[in-house]
């Protein structure tokens, strides 16, 4: 099992709209690719939120091939959509993790 994690710092001025967009549009679009079996969307706590909250979105892939298919085929367009909609009001980083136990 692989977990694709996207951690995103969201500017205070847009964070409510961004959360709604994530729940109603972006996460469903990613899940519709068929590359992931489930997702989880959480807010990080105990951080400095003075410039905005931080969220993590995690997607579970049954295989590395499923993750690779997402990255190669689907991710570029979805990332472009996110950037064109939110610009520099969000900043994020991505990581891939393998479930050990």
C-alpha atoms as a PDB file:
ATOM      1  CA  UNK A   1       0.000   0.000   0.000  1.00  0.00           C
ATOM      2  CA  UNK A   2       1.280   3.451  -0.940  1.00  0.00           C
ATOM      3  CA  UNK A   3       0.111   6.769   0.453  1.00  0.00           C
ATOM      4  CA  UNK A   4       0.396   9.870  -1.691  1.00  0.00           C
ATOM      5  CA  UNK A   5       0.384  12.871   0.644  1.00  0.00           C
ATOM      6  CA  UNK A   6      -0.143  16.492  -0.352  1.00  0.00           C
ATOM      7  CA  UNK A   7       0.438  19.030   2.423  1.00  0.00           C
ATOM      8  CA  UNK A   8      -0.926  22.493   1.633  1.00  0.00           C
ATOM      9  CA  UNK A   9      -0.671  25.837   3.430  1.00  0.00           C
ATOM     10  CA  UNK A  10      -3.705  27.923   2.473  1.00  0.00           C
ATOM     11  CA  UNK A  11      -3.918  31.706   2.772  1.00  0.00           C
ATOM     12  CA  UNK A  12      -6.506  32.843   5.315  1.00  0.00           C
ATOM     13  CA  UNK A  13      -8.398  34.899   2.724  1.00  0.00           C
ATOM     14  CA  UNK A  14      -9.382  31.838   0.664  1.00  0.00           C
ATOM     15  CA  UNK A  15      -9.213  28.891   3.014  1.00  0.00           C
ATOM     16  CA  UNK A  16     -12.988  28.340   3.360  1.00  0.00           C
ATOM     17  CA  UNK A  17     -13.524  28.423  -0.405  1.00  0.00           C
ATOM     18  CA  UNK A  18     -10.492  26.187  -0.930  1.00  0.00           C
ATOM     19  CA  UNK A  19     -11.742  23.579   1.552  1.00  0.00           C
ATOM     20  CA  UNK A  20     -15.126  23.493  -0.185  1.00  0.00           C
ATOM     21  CA  UNK A  21     -13.433  23.185  -3.592  1.00  0.00           C
ATOM     22  CA  UNK A  22     -11.263  20.343  -2.305  1.00  0.00           C
ATOM     23  CA  UNK A  23     -14.237  18.426  -0.908  1.00  0.00           C
ATOM     24  CA  UNK A  24     -16.624  19.009  -3.793  1.00  0.00           C
ATOM     25  CA  UNK A  25     -14.296  19.050  -6.816  1.00  0.00           C
ATOM     26  CA  UNK A  26     -10.586  18.303  -6.498  1.00  0.00           C
ATOM     27  CA  UNK A  27     -10.616  15.214  -4.279  1.00  0.00           C
ATOM     28  CA  UNK A  28     -13.493  13.641  -6.259  1.00  0.00           C
ATOM     29  CA  UNK A  29     -11.600  14.353  -9.504  1.00  0.00           C
ATOM     30  CA  UNK A  30      -8.504  12.602  -8.179  1.00  0.00           C
ATOM     31  CA  UNK A  31     -10.523   9.639  -6.939  1.00  0.00           C
ATOM     32  CA  UNK A  32     -12.295   9.419 -10.310  1.00  0.00           C
ATOM     33  CA  UNK A  33      -8.962   8.590 -11.963  1.00  0.00           C
ATOM     34  CA  UNK A  34      -9.242   5.090 -10.485  1.00  0.00           C
ATOM     35  CA  UNK A  35      -5.644   5.223  -9.289  1.00  0.00           C
ATOM     36  CA  UNK A  36      -6.492   5.350  -5.581  1.00  0.00           C
ATOM     37  CA  UNK A  37      -8.659   3.221  -3.311  1.00  0.00           C
ATOM     38  CA  UNK A  38      -9.458   5.834  -0.657  1.00  0.00           C
ATOM     39  CA  UNK A  39      -8.693   9.359   0.466  1.00  0.00           C
ATOM     40  CA  UNK A  40      -8.404  11.328   3.669  1.00  0.00           C
ATOM     41  CA  UNK A  41      -8.515  15.115   4.122  1.00  0.00           C
ATOM     42  CA  UNK A  42      -7.283  16.544   7.425  1.00  0.00           C
ATOM     43  CA  UNK A  43      -6.282  19.840   8.988  1.00  0.00           C
ATOM     44  CA  UNK A  44      -2.948  19.956  10.772  1.00  0.00           C
ATOM     45  CA  UNK A  45      -3.101  21.198  14.334  1.00  0.00           C
ATOM     46  CA  UNK A  46      -0.566  22.783  16.675  1.00  0.00           C
ATOM     47  CA  UNK A  47       0.961  24.883  13.894  1.00  0.00           C
ATOM     48  CA  UNK A  48       1.238  28.630  13.446  1.00  0.00           C
ATOM     49  CA  UNK A  49      -1.939  29.465  11.524  1.00  0.00           C
ATOM     50  CA  UNK A  50      -1.362  33.219  11.492  1.00  0.00           C
ATOM     51  CA  UNK A  51      -1.016  33.209   7.687  1.00  0.00           C
ATOM     52  CA  UNK A  52      -3.561  30.443   7.159  1.00  0.00           C
ATOM     53  CA  UNK A  53      -4.265  26.837   8.030  1.00  0.00           C
ATOM     54  CA  UNK A  54      -2.372  23.794   6.790  1.00  0.00           C
ATOM     55  CA  UNK A  55      -4.073  20.700   5.417  1.00  0.00           C
ATOM     56  CA  UNK A  56      -2.968  17.229   4.346  1.00  0.00           C
ATOM     57  CA  UNK A  57      -4.737  15.230   1.690  1.00  0.00           C
ATOM     58  CA  UNK A  58      -3.810  11.565   1.499  1.00  0.00           C
ATOM     59  CA  UNK A  59      -4.639   9.085  -1.226  1.00  0.00           C
ATOM     60  CA  UNK A  60      -4.049   5.343  -0.887  1.00  0.00           C
ATOM     61  CA  UNK A  61      -2.839   3.390  -3.892  1.00  0.00           C
ATOM     62  CA  UNK A  62      -2.825  -0.401  -3.973  1.00  0.00           C
ATOM     63  CA  UNK A  63       0.394  -0.461  -6.019  1.00  0.00           C
ATOM     64  CA  UNK A  64       3.272   1.731  -7.105  1.00  0.00           C
ATOM     65  CA  UNK A  65       2.042   1.244 -10.679  1.00  0.00           C
ATOM     66  CA  UNK A  66      -1.288   2.866  -9.757  1.00  0.00           C
ATOM     67  CA  UNK A  67       0.528   5.830  -8.206  1.00  0.00           C
ATOM     68  CA  UNK A  68       2.832   6.132 -11.231  1.00  0.00           C
ATOM     69  CA  UNK A  69      -0.167   6.067 -13.577  1.00  0.00           C
ATOM     70  CA  UNK A  70      -1.701   8.956 -11.645  1.00  0.00           C
ATOM     71  CA  UNK A  71       1.531  10.992 -11.706  1.00  0.00           C
ATOM     72  CA  UNK A  72       2.184  10.399 -15.406  1.00  0.00           C
ATOM     73  CA  UNK A  73      -1.324  10.667 -16.841  1.00  0.00           C
ATOM     74  CA  UNK A  74      -3.551  12.668 -14.485  1.00  0.00           C
ATOM     75  CA  UNK A  75      -1.466  14.827 -12.149  1.00  0.00           C
ATOM     76  CA  UNK A  76      -0.212  17.447 -14.639  1.00  0.00           C
ATOM     77  CA  UNK A  77      -3.697  18.640 -15.633  1.00  0.00           C
ATOM     78  CA  UNK A  78      -5.062  18.543 -12.084  1.00  0.00           C
ATOM     79  CA  UNK A  79      -2.074  20.494 -10.769  1.00  0.00           C
ATOM     80  CA  UNK A  80      -2.499  23.058 -13.541  1.00  0.00           C
ATOM     81  CA  UNK A  81      -6.175  23.495 -12.634  1.00  0.00           C
ATOM     82  CA  UNK A  82      -5.291  24.051  -8.990  1.00  0.00           C
ATOM     83  CA  UNK A  83      -2.580  26.567  -9.816  1.00  0.00           C
ATOM     84  CA  UNK A  84      -4.773  28.525 -12.211  1.00  0.00           C
ATOM     85  CA  UNK A  85      -7.586  28.690  -9.659  1.00  0.00           C
ATOM     86  CA  UNK A  86      -5.596  29.519  -6.494  1.00  0.00           C
ATOM     87  CA  UNK A  87      -2.232  30.849  -7.696  1.00  0.00           C
ATOM     88  CA  UNK A  88       0.113  31.895  -4.909  1.00  0.00           C
ATOM     89  CA  UNK A  89      -2.623  31.714  -2.247  1.00  0.00           C
ATOM     90  CA  UNK A  90      -1.611  28.095  -1.623  1.00  0.00           C
ATOM     91  CA  UNK A  91       1.749  26.453  -1.232  1.00  0.00           C
ATOM     92  CA  UNK A  92       2.269  22.760  -0.928  1.00  0.00           C
ATOM     93  CA  UNK A  93       4.558  19.824  -1.142  1.00  0.00           C
ATOM     94  CA  UNK A  94       3.989  16.226  -2.078  1.00  0.00           C
ATOM     95  CA  UNK A  95       5.421  13.018  -0.705  1.00  0.00           C
ATOM     96  CA  UNK A  96       4.989   9.324  -1.320  1.00  0.00           C
ATOM     97  CA  UNK A  97       4.982   6.917   1.599  1.00  0.00           C
ATOM     98  CA  UNK A  98       4.899   3.153   1.753  1.00  0.00           C
ATOM     99  CA  UNK A  99       2.802   1.483   4.431  1.00  0.00           C
ATOM    100  CA  UNK A 100       5.178  -0.583   6.572  1.00  0.00           C
ATOM    101  CA  UNK A 101       2.798  -2.016   9.146  1.00  0.00           C
END
